[in-house]
N, C-alpha and C. Protein backbone atom coordinates (compact mmCIF):
# COMPACT_ATOMS: atom_id res chain seq x y z
N MET A 1 208.64 141.62 278.72
CA MET A 1 207.55 142.15 277.89
C MET A 1 206.74 140.99 277.34
N PRO A 2 205.39 141.07 277.46
CA PRO A 2 204.57 139.97 276.96
C PRO A 2 204.60 139.92 275.43
N LYS A 3 204.37 138.71 274.93
CA LYS A 3 204.32 138.55 273.48
C LYS A 3 203.03 139.13 272.95
N LEU A 4 203.12 139.81 271.86
CA LEU A 4 201.94 140.38 271.22
C LEU A 4 201.44 139.38 270.19
N THR A 5 200.27 138.86 270.44
CA THR A 5 199.71 137.84 269.57
C THR A 5 198.42 138.34 268.95
N LYS A 6 197.93 137.60 267.99
CA LYS A 6 196.67 137.93 267.36
C LYS A 6 195.53 137.86 268.37
N GLU A 7 195.58 136.87 269.28
CA GLU A 7 194.54 136.73 270.29
C GLU A 7 194.48 137.95 271.21
N PHE A 8 195.66 138.52 271.51
CA PHE A 8 195.71 139.72 272.35
C PHE A 8 194.90 140.84 271.69
N TRP A 9 195.11 141.06 270.41
CA TRP A 9 194.39 142.15 269.74
C TRP A 9 192.93 141.81 269.52
N ASN A 10 192.62 140.55 269.28
CA ASN A 10 191.21 140.15 269.10
C ASN A 10 190.40 140.31 270.37
N SER A 11 191.05 140.26 271.52
CA SER A 11 190.32 140.41 272.78
C SER A 11 190.03 141.87 273.11
N LYS A 12 190.43 142.78 272.27
CA LYS A 12 190.29 144.21 272.53
C LYS A 12 189.18 144.83 271.69
N SER A 13 188.02 144.18 271.62
CA SER A 13 186.93 144.72 270.79
C SER A 13 186.46 146.07 271.30
N GLU A 14 186.58 146.33 272.61
CA GLU A 14 186.17 147.62 273.14
C GLU A 14 187.03 148.75 272.59
N ILE A 15 188.28 148.46 272.29
CA ILE A 15 189.15 149.50 271.72
C ILE A 15 188.61 149.92 270.36
N ILE A 16 188.18 148.96 269.57
CA ILE A 16 187.62 149.26 268.25
C ILE A 16 186.36 150.10 268.40
N GLU A 17 185.49 149.69 269.33
CA GLU A 17 184.25 150.44 269.53
C GLU A 17 184.54 151.84 270.07
N ALA A 18 185.55 151.97 270.92
CA ALA A 18 185.87 153.27 271.52
C ALA A 18 186.37 154.25 270.46
N ALA A 19 186.88 153.74 269.36
CA ALA A 19 187.37 154.62 268.31
C ALA A 19 186.23 155.20 267.47
N VAL A 20 185.03 154.71 267.66
CA VAL A 20 183.88 155.17 266.89
C VAL A 20 183.27 156.39 267.58
N LYS A 21 182.99 157.40 266.82
CA LYS A 21 182.38 158.60 267.39
C LYS A 21 181.02 158.22 267.96
N GLY A 22 180.73 158.71 269.15
CA GLY A 22 179.47 158.40 269.79
C GLY A 22 179.58 157.34 270.87
N TRP A 23 180.74 156.66 270.96
CA TRP A 23 180.95 155.68 272.02
C TRP A 23 181.10 156.45 273.31
N ASP A 24 180.26 156.16 274.29
CA ASP A 24 180.22 156.95 275.51
C ASP A 24 180.86 156.20 276.68
N PRO A 25 182.06 156.61 277.11
CA PRO A 25 182.72 155.94 278.22
C PRO A 25 181.90 155.98 279.51
N ILE A 26 181.14 157.05 279.72
CA ILE A 26 180.36 157.14 280.95
C ILE A 26 179.32 156.02 281.01
N GLN A 27 178.82 155.57 279.88
CA GLN A 27 177.88 154.44 279.86
C GLN A 27 178.61 153.11 279.86
N ARG A 28 179.72 153.02 279.17
CA ARG A 28 180.40 151.73 278.98
C ARG A 28 181.37 151.38 280.11
N LEU A 29 182.00 152.36 280.72
CA LEU A 29 182.98 152.07 281.77
C LEU A 29 182.41 151.26 282.93
N PRO A 30 181.21 151.58 283.44
CA PRO A 30 180.69 150.76 284.53
C PRO A 30 180.56 149.28 284.17
N LYS A 31 180.13 148.99 282.96
CA LYS A 31 180.01 147.59 282.53
C LYS A 31 181.38 146.92 282.46
N LEU A 32 182.35 147.63 281.90
CA LEU A 32 183.69 147.08 281.79
C LEU A 32 184.33 146.86 283.16
N LEU A 33 184.10 147.78 284.08
CA LEU A 33 184.65 147.64 285.43
C LEU A 33 184.06 146.42 286.14
N LYS A 34 182.76 146.18 285.92
CA LYS A 34 182.12 145.02 286.55
C LYS A 34 182.64 143.72 285.97
N GLU A 35 182.99 143.73 284.69
CA GLU A 35 183.57 142.54 284.08
C GLU A 35 184.99 142.30 284.58
N ALA A 36 185.75 143.37 284.73
CA ALA A 36 187.15 143.24 285.14
C ALA A 36 187.30 142.96 286.64
N TYR A 37 186.40 143.50 287.45
CA TYR A 37 186.47 143.36 288.90
C TYR A 37 185.16 142.77 289.42
N PRO A 38 185.10 141.48 289.66
CA PRO A 38 183.85 140.82 290.08
C PRO A 38 183.24 141.42 291.36
N ASP A 39 184.05 141.99 292.24
CA ASP A 39 183.51 142.59 293.47
C ASP A 39 182.58 143.76 293.17
N PHE A 40 182.71 144.36 292.01
CA PHE A 40 181.91 145.54 291.67
C PHE A 40 180.53 145.18 291.12
N ARG A 41 180.19 143.92 291.06
CA ARG A 41 178.87 143.54 290.53
C ARG A 41 177.74 143.93 291.46
N VAL A 42 178.03 144.21 292.72
CA VAL A 42 176.98 144.54 293.69
C VAL A 42 176.74 146.05 293.79
N VAL A 43 177.45 146.84 292.96
CA VAL A 43 177.29 148.30 293.03
C VAL A 43 176.91 148.85 291.66
N ASP A 44 176.31 150.04 291.70
CA ASP A 44 176.06 150.81 290.49
C ASP A 44 177.07 151.96 290.48
N PHE A 45 177.44 152.38 289.30
CA PHE A 45 178.41 153.45 289.15
C PHE A 45 177.76 154.70 288.60
N GLY A 46 178.35 155.82 288.89
CA GLY A 46 177.95 157.09 288.34
C GLY A 46 179.16 157.98 288.25
N PHE A 47 179.05 159.06 287.51
CA PHE A 47 180.13 160.02 287.37
C PHE A 47 179.61 161.38 287.80
N SER A 48 180.26 161.96 288.80
CA SER A 48 179.82 163.23 289.35
C SER A 48 180.86 164.31 289.08
N SER A 49 180.36 165.49 288.74
CA SER A 49 181.25 166.63 288.60
C SER A 49 181.57 167.17 290.00
N GLU A 50 182.58 168.01 290.10
CA GLU A 50 182.95 168.58 291.40
C GLU A 50 181.80 169.41 291.98
N GLU A 51 181.07 170.12 291.13
CA GLU A 51 179.98 170.97 291.60
C GLU A 51 178.85 170.14 292.22
N ASP A 52 178.61 168.94 291.70
CA ASP A 52 177.52 168.10 292.17
C ASP A 52 177.93 167.10 293.25
N MET A 53 179.21 167.08 293.61
CA MET A 53 179.72 166.07 294.53
C MET A 53 178.98 166.06 295.87
N ALA A 54 178.75 167.22 296.47
CA ALA A 54 178.09 167.28 297.77
C ALA A 54 176.68 166.68 297.70
N GLU A 55 175.95 167.00 296.64
CA GLU A 55 174.58 166.47 296.49
C GLU A 55 174.61 164.95 296.31
N TRP A 56 175.53 164.46 295.49
CA TRP A 56 175.64 163.02 295.27
C TRP A 56 175.95 162.29 296.57
N MET A 57 176.89 162.84 297.33
CA MET A 57 177.29 162.19 298.57
C MET A 57 176.16 162.23 299.60
N SER A 58 175.35 163.28 299.59
CA SER A 58 174.22 163.35 300.52
C SER A 58 173.16 162.30 300.19
N GLN A 59 173.15 161.80 298.96
CA GLN A 59 172.19 160.76 298.56
C GLN A 59 172.73 159.35 298.79
N GLY A 60 173.99 159.24 299.21
CA GLY A 60 174.53 157.92 299.50
C GLY A 60 175.61 157.44 298.56
N TRP A 61 175.93 158.20 297.53
CA TRP A 61 177.02 157.83 296.63
C TRP A 61 178.35 158.05 297.35
N ILE A 62 179.32 157.20 297.08
CA ILE A 62 180.66 157.41 297.64
C ILE A 62 181.66 157.47 296.48
N PRO A 63 182.67 158.35 296.60
CA PRO A 63 183.68 158.40 295.54
C PRO A 63 184.62 157.20 295.67
N LEU A 64 184.94 156.59 294.54
CA LEU A 64 185.87 155.47 294.56
C LEU A 64 187.29 156.00 294.67
N THR A 65 188.07 155.31 295.47
CA THR A 65 189.48 155.67 295.65
C THR A 65 190.33 154.48 295.24
N ALA A 66 191.63 154.67 295.23
CA ALA A 66 192.53 153.58 294.89
C ALA A 66 192.41 152.44 295.90
N ASP A 67 191.98 152.75 297.13
CA ASP A 67 191.82 151.71 298.16
C ASP A 67 190.71 150.72 297.81
N HIS A 68 189.76 151.11 296.98
CA HIS A 68 188.68 150.21 296.59
C HIS A 68 189.13 149.17 295.57
N PHE A 69 190.31 149.37 295.00
CA PHE A 69 190.85 148.46 294.00
C PHE A 69 192.01 147.69 294.60
N ASP A 70 192.14 146.45 294.19
CA ASP A 70 193.37 145.72 294.50
C ASP A 70 194.43 146.27 293.55
N VAL A 71 195.52 146.77 294.11
CA VAL A 71 196.52 147.47 293.30
C VAL A 71 197.07 146.58 292.19
N GLU A 72 197.31 145.31 292.50
CA GLU A 72 197.85 144.39 291.48
C GLU A 72 196.85 144.23 290.33
N GLU A 73 195.57 144.03 290.67
CA GLU A 73 194.55 143.88 289.61
C GLU A 73 194.40 145.17 288.84
N PHE A 74 194.45 146.30 289.54
CA PHE A 74 194.29 147.59 288.89
C PHE A 74 195.42 147.81 287.88
N ASN A 75 196.63 147.43 288.25
CA ASN A 75 197.77 147.61 287.35
C ASN A 75 197.74 146.61 286.20
N LYS A 76 197.21 145.40 286.44
CA LYS A 76 197.14 144.40 285.37
C LYS A 76 196.04 144.74 284.37
N SER A 77 194.94 145.27 284.88
CA SER A 77 193.82 145.58 284.00
C SER A 77 194.19 146.74 283.08
N ASP A 78 193.80 146.61 281.83
CA ASP A 78 194.11 147.69 280.89
C ASP A 78 192.99 148.72 280.83
N ILE A 79 191.92 148.52 281.61
CA ILE A 79 190.79 149.45 281.57
C ILE A 79 191.20 150.85 282.04
N PRO A 80 191.86 151.00 283.20
CA PRO A 80 192.21 152.36 283.64
C PRO A 80 193.08 153.11 282.65
N SER A 81 194.11 152.46 282.14
CA SER A 81 194.99 153.17 281.23
C SER A 81 194.35 153.38 279.86
N ARG A 82 193.54 152.42 279.43
CA ARG A 82 192.94 152.54 278.11
C ARG A 82 191.93 153.67 278.04
N PHE A 83 191.18 153.87 279.13
CA PHE A 83 190.12 154.88 279.10
C PHE A 83 190.44 156.12 279.91
N GLY A 84 191.64 156.23 280.40
CA GLY A 84 192.06 157.46 281.05
C GLY A 84 191.59 157.63 282.48
N LEU A 85 191.31 156.54 283.19
CA LEU A 85 191.00 156.67 284.60
C LEU A 85 192.30 157.00 285.33
N ARG A 86 192.23 157.96 286.22
CA ARG A 86 193.43 158.33 286.96
C ARG A 86 193.05 158.71 288.38
N GLU A 87 194.04 158.69 289.24
CA GLU A 87 193.82 159.06 290.63
C GLU A 87 194.21 160.51 290.82
N VAL A 88 193.24 161.30 291.29
CA VAL A 88 193.50 162.72 291.54
C VAL A 88 192.99 163.02 292.95
N GLY A 89 193.89 163.41 293.82
CA GLY A 89 193.49 163.72 295.19
C GLY A 89 192.89 162.53 295.92
N GLY A 90 193.33 161.33 295.58
CA GLY A 90 192.82 160.13 296.23
C GLY A 90 191.59 159.55 295.57
N ARG A 91 190.96 160.27 294.66
CA ARG A 91 189.73 159.81 294.00
C ARG A 91 190.03 159.38 292.57
N ILE A 92 189.29 158.38 292.10
CA ILE A 92 189.43 157.91 290.73
C ILE A 92 188.57 158.81 289.84
N LYS A 93 189.18 159.34 288.79
CA LYS A 93 188.46 160.26 287.91
C LYS A 93 188.57 159.84 286.46
N TRP A 94 187.56 160.21 285.69
CA TRP A 94 187.61 160.14 284.24
C TRP A 94 187.38 161.57 283.78
N ARG A 95 188.38 162.13 283.17
CA ARG A 95 188.40 163.55 282.81
C ARG A 95 188.14 164.37 284.08
N ASP A 96 187.07 165.19 284.11
CA ASP A 96 186.78 165.99 285.30
C ASP A 96 185.71 165.36 286.18
N ASN A 97 185.31 164.15 285.87
CA ASN A 97 184.23 163.48 286.59
C ASN A 97 184.78 162.45 287.56
N THR A 98 184.29 162.47 288.78
CA THR A 98 184.70 161.50 289.80
C THR A 98 183.84 160.26 289.68
N LEU A 99 184.48 159.10 289.73
CA LEU A 99 183.78 157.82 289.66
C LEU A 99 183.14 157.55 291.02
N MET A 100 181.82 157.41 291.04
CA MET A 100 181.06 157.22 292.27
C MET A 100 180.41 155.83 292.26
N ALA A 101 180.17 155.30 293.46
CA ALA A 101 179.55 153.98 293.58
C ALA A 101 178.46 154.02 294.64
N MET A 102 177.45 153.17 294.43
CA MET A 102 176.35 153.00 295.39
C MET A 102 175.87 151.57 295.29
N GLY A 103 175.58 150.95 296.41
CA GLY A 103 175.06 149.58 296.41
C GLY A 103 173.77 149.48 295.61
N LYS A 104 173.64 148.43 294.81
CA LYS A 104 172.46 148.27 293.96
C LYS A 104 171.17 148.23 294.77
N ASP A 105 171.17 147.46 295.87
CA ASP A 105 169.95 147.34 296.68
C ASP A 105 169.58 148.68 297.30
N PHE A 106 170.58 149.40 297.80
CA PHE A 106 170.32 150.71 298.39
C PHE A 106 169.77 151.67 297.34
N ARG A 107 170.34 151.62 296.15
CA ARG A 107 169.88 152.52 295.07
C ARG A 107 168.45 152.21 294.68
N LYS A 108 168.10 150.92 294.64
CA LYS A 108 166.72 150.52 294.32
C LYS A 108 165.76 151.08 295.37
N GLN A 109 166.12 150.97 296.66
CA GLN A 109 165.28 151.51 297.72
C GLN A 109 165.14 153.03 297.58
N LEU A 110 166.23 153.69 297.25
CA LEU A 110 166.21 155.14 297.07
C LEU A 110 165.29 155.54 295.92
N GLN A 111 165.39 154.83 294.80
CA GLN A 111 164.54 155.13 293.66
C GLN A 111 163.07 154.84 293.96
N ASP A 112 162.80 153.75 294.67
CA ASP A 112 161.41 153.44 295.03
C ASP A 112 160.83 154.52 295.94
N ALA A 113 161.62 154.98 296.90
CA ALA A 113 161.16 156.04 297.81
C ALA A 113 160.89 157.34 297.03
N ARG A 114 161.77 157.67 296.09
CA ARG A 114 161.56 158.87 295.27
C ARG A 114 160.29 158.74 294.44
N ASN A 115 160.10 157.59 293.81
CA ASN A 115 158.92 157.39 292.97
C ASN A 115 157.64 157.51 293.79
N GLU A 116 157.64 156.91 294.98
CA GLU A 116 156.45 156.98 295.82
C GLU A 116 156.17 158.42 296.24
N TYR A 117 157.21 159.15 296.60
CA TYR A 117 157.06 160.56 296.98
C TYR A 117 156.47 161.37 295.82
N HIS A 118 157.00 161.17 294.62
CA HIS A 118 156.50 161.93 293.47
C HIS A 118 155.08 161.53 293.10
N GLU A 119 154.75 160.25 293.24
CA GLU A 119 153.37 159.82 292.98
C GLU A 119 152.41 160.48 293.97
N ASP A 120 152.80 160.52 295.24
CA ASP A 120 151.96 161.16 296.26
C ASP A 120 151.77 162.64 295.94
N ASN A 121 152.87 163.32 295.57
CA ASN A 121 152.76 164.74 295.22
C ASN A 121 151.89 164.95 294.00
N TYR A 122 152.01 164.07 293.02
CA TYR A 122 151.21 164.21 291.80
C TYR A 122 149.73 164.06 292.13
N ARG A 123 149.42 163.03 292.92
CA ARG A 123 148.03 162.82 293.30
C ARG A 123 147.48 164.02 294.06
N ALA A 124 148.28 164.55 294.97
CA ALA A 124 147.82 165.68 295.79
C ALA A 124 147.64 166.94 294.96
N SER A 125 148.51 167.15 293.97
CA SER A 125 148.45 168.40 293.22
C SER A 125 147.54 168.36 292.01
N VAL A 126 147.38 167.20 291.41
CA VAL A 126 146.61 167.15 290.17
C VAL A 126 145.30 166.37 290.32
N MET A 127 145.41 165.19 290.86
CA MET A 127 144.25 164.30 290.87
C MET A 127 143.16 164.74 291.85
N ASP A 128 143.52 165.36 292.96
CA ASP A 128 142.53 165.71 293.97
C ASP A 128 142.04 167.15 293.89
N LYS A 129 142.40 167.86 292.85
CA LYS A 129 141.95 169.24 292.76
C LYS A 129 140.46 169.27 292.47
N LYS A 130 139.79 170.17 293.18
CA LYS A 130 138.35 170.32 293.00
C LYS A 130 138.09 171.76 292.55
N TYR A 131 138.38 172.02 291.34
CA TYR A 131 138.22 173.38 290.85
C TYR A 131 137.23 173.40 289.71
N ALA A 132 136.38 174.36 289.76
CA ALA A 132 135.48 174.62 288.64
C ALA A 132 135.36 176.13 288.52
N SER A 133 135.34 176.61 287.32
CA SER A 133 135.24 178.04 287.08
C SER A 133 133.93 178.58 287.63
N SER A 134 134.00 179.77 288.19
CA SER A 134 132.78 180.38 288.75
C SER A 134 131.78 180.72 287.65
N GLN A 135 132.23 180.80 286.41
CA GLN A 135 131.34 181.12 285.30
C GLN A 135 130.73 179.88 284.66
N ASP A 136 131.13 178.72 285.12
CA ASP A 136 130.63 177.46 284.55
C ASP A 136 129.21 177.21 285.04
N PRO A 137 128.24 177.06 284.13
CA PRO A 137 126.86 176.84 284.57
C PRO A 137 126.66 175.49 285.30
N ARG A 138 127.56 174.54 285.10
CA ARG A 138 127.43 173.24 285.76
C ARG A 138 128.42 173.09 286.92
N ARG A 139 128.81 174.22 287.52
CA ARG A 139 129.81 174.21 288.57
C ARG A 139 129.40 173.33 289.75
N ASP A 140 128.18 173.45 290.21
CA ASP A 140 127.73 172.67 291.37
C ASP A 140 127.77 171.18 291.08
N GLU A 141 127.37 170.80 289.89
CA GLU A 141 127.38 169.38 289.50
C GLU A 141 128.82 168.86 289.48
N MET A 142 129.73 169.65 288.93
CA MET A 142 131.13 169.23 288.88
C MET A 142 131.72 169.11 290.29
N ALA A 143 131.35 170.02 291.18
CA ALA A 143 131.87 169.96 292.56
C ALA A 143 131.38 168.69 293.25
N ARG A 144 130.12 168.30 292.99
CA ARG A 144 129.60 167.06 293.60
C ARG A 144 130.37 165.85 293.10
N TYR A 145 130.66 165.80 291.81
CA TYR A 145 131.44 164.69 291.27
C TYR A 145 132.85 164.66 291.87
N ALA A 146 133.44 165.83 292.02
CA ALA A 146 134.79 165.89 292.59
C ALA A 146 134.80 165.40 294.04
N GLU A 147 133.78 165.77 294.81
CA GLU A 147 133.71 165.34 296.20
C GLU A 147 133.44 163.85 296.33
N SER A 148 132.73 163.29 295.36
CA SER A 148 132.41 161.86 295.43
C SER A 148 133.59 161.00 294.98
N LYS A 149 134.69 161.64 294.57
CA LYS A 149 135.89 160.93 294.11
C LYS A 149 135.58 160.02 292.93
N LEU A 150 134.66 160.44 292.11
CA LEU A 150 134.32 159.67 290.92
C LEU A 150 135.52 159.68 290.00
N GLU A 151 136.03 158.49 289.69
CA GLU A 151 137.23 158.39 288.86
C GLU A 151 136.92 158.68 287.40
N SER A 152 135.92 158.01 286.88
CA SER A 152 135.57 158.23 285.48
C SER A 152 134.14 157.78 285.26
N ALA A 153 133.58 158.24 284.23
CA ALA A 153 132.22 157.85 283.88
C ALA A 153 132.19 157.57 282.39
N ILE A 154 131.52 156.51 282.03
CA ILE A 154 131.38 156.19 280.61
C ILE A 154 130.13 156.87 280.10
N VAL A 155 130.30 157.66 279.10
CA VAL A 155 129.18 158.39 278.53
C VAL A 155 128.86 157.79 277.18
N GLN A 156 127.62 157.35 277.03
CA GLN A 156 127.16 156.82 275.76
C GLN A 156 126.42 157.93 275.02
N PRO A 157 126.88 158.28 273.85
CA PRO A 157 126.17 159.33 273.11
C PRO A 157 124.79 158.84 272.68
N LYS A 158 123.84 159.74 272.74
CA LYS A 158 122.49 159.39 272.29
C LYS A 158 122.45 159.50 270.78
N ARG A 159 121.90 158.49 270.19
CA ARG A 159 121.81 158.49 268.73
C ARG A 159 120.46 159.05 268.35
N GLY A 160 120.51 160.05 267.56
CA GLY A 160 119.29 160.67 267.10
C GLY A 160 118.88 160.08 265.76
N PRO A 161 117.81 160.64 265.24
CA PRO A 161 117.40 160.15 263.92
C PRO A 161 118.49 160.45 262.91
N GLY A 162 118.77 159.53 262.17
CA GLY A 162 119.82 159.70 261.19
C GLY A 162 119.45 159.00 259.91
N ARG A 163 120.39 158.78 259.14
CA ARG A 163 120.17 158.12 257.88
C ARG A 163 119.84 156.65 258.16
N PRO A 164 118.81 156.13 257.53
CA PRO A 164 118.46 154.73 257.76
C PRO A 164 119.52 153.81 257.19
N PRO A 165 119.65 152.62 257.78
CA PRO A 165 120.66 151.69 257.26
C PRO A 165 120.35 151.27 255.82
N ASN A 166 121.41 150.92 255.12
CA ASN A 166 121.24 150.52 253.72
C ASN A 166 120.42 149.23 253.66
N GLN A 167 119.55 149.16 252.71
CA GLN A 167 118.77 147.95 252.45
C GLN A 167 119.47 147.15 251.39
N LYS A 168 119.64 145.87 251.67
CA LYS A 168 120.33 145.03 250.68
C LYS A 168 119.36 144.22 249.90
């Protein structure tokens, strides 16, 4: 049995934070895993429920299994036992959520592709609409502006006669 020293307890600041209400293991566990296992620095983590597993896997996420961990390191690390990670059916779980991983570079490409797709859809559905009410007296003028792809126009209000400036 190892000796219990003051340094041992001082190195457990995460235990103190975990005792505070509002500490979210789903946010903190990925960071702790990357610190404990240097090989995990090239992946992003997520937690998937059983209902969402098929969708996650279709996007490229893979469930982590005990094979992804070096058994000796896994047993030495206090992260799994401290936060309740366990192996169920070959997969590593936290409560009812399966620990999933995806390469950081691949995830960045996936997010960029999604953003581009949504930007294209937004432009097609909102920015390029050429609609004017049939009751609008300036409908033809608005249609011409829409066809010319005019982005914006600066309108300077005309100043009418008003109060004269103060005389000093």
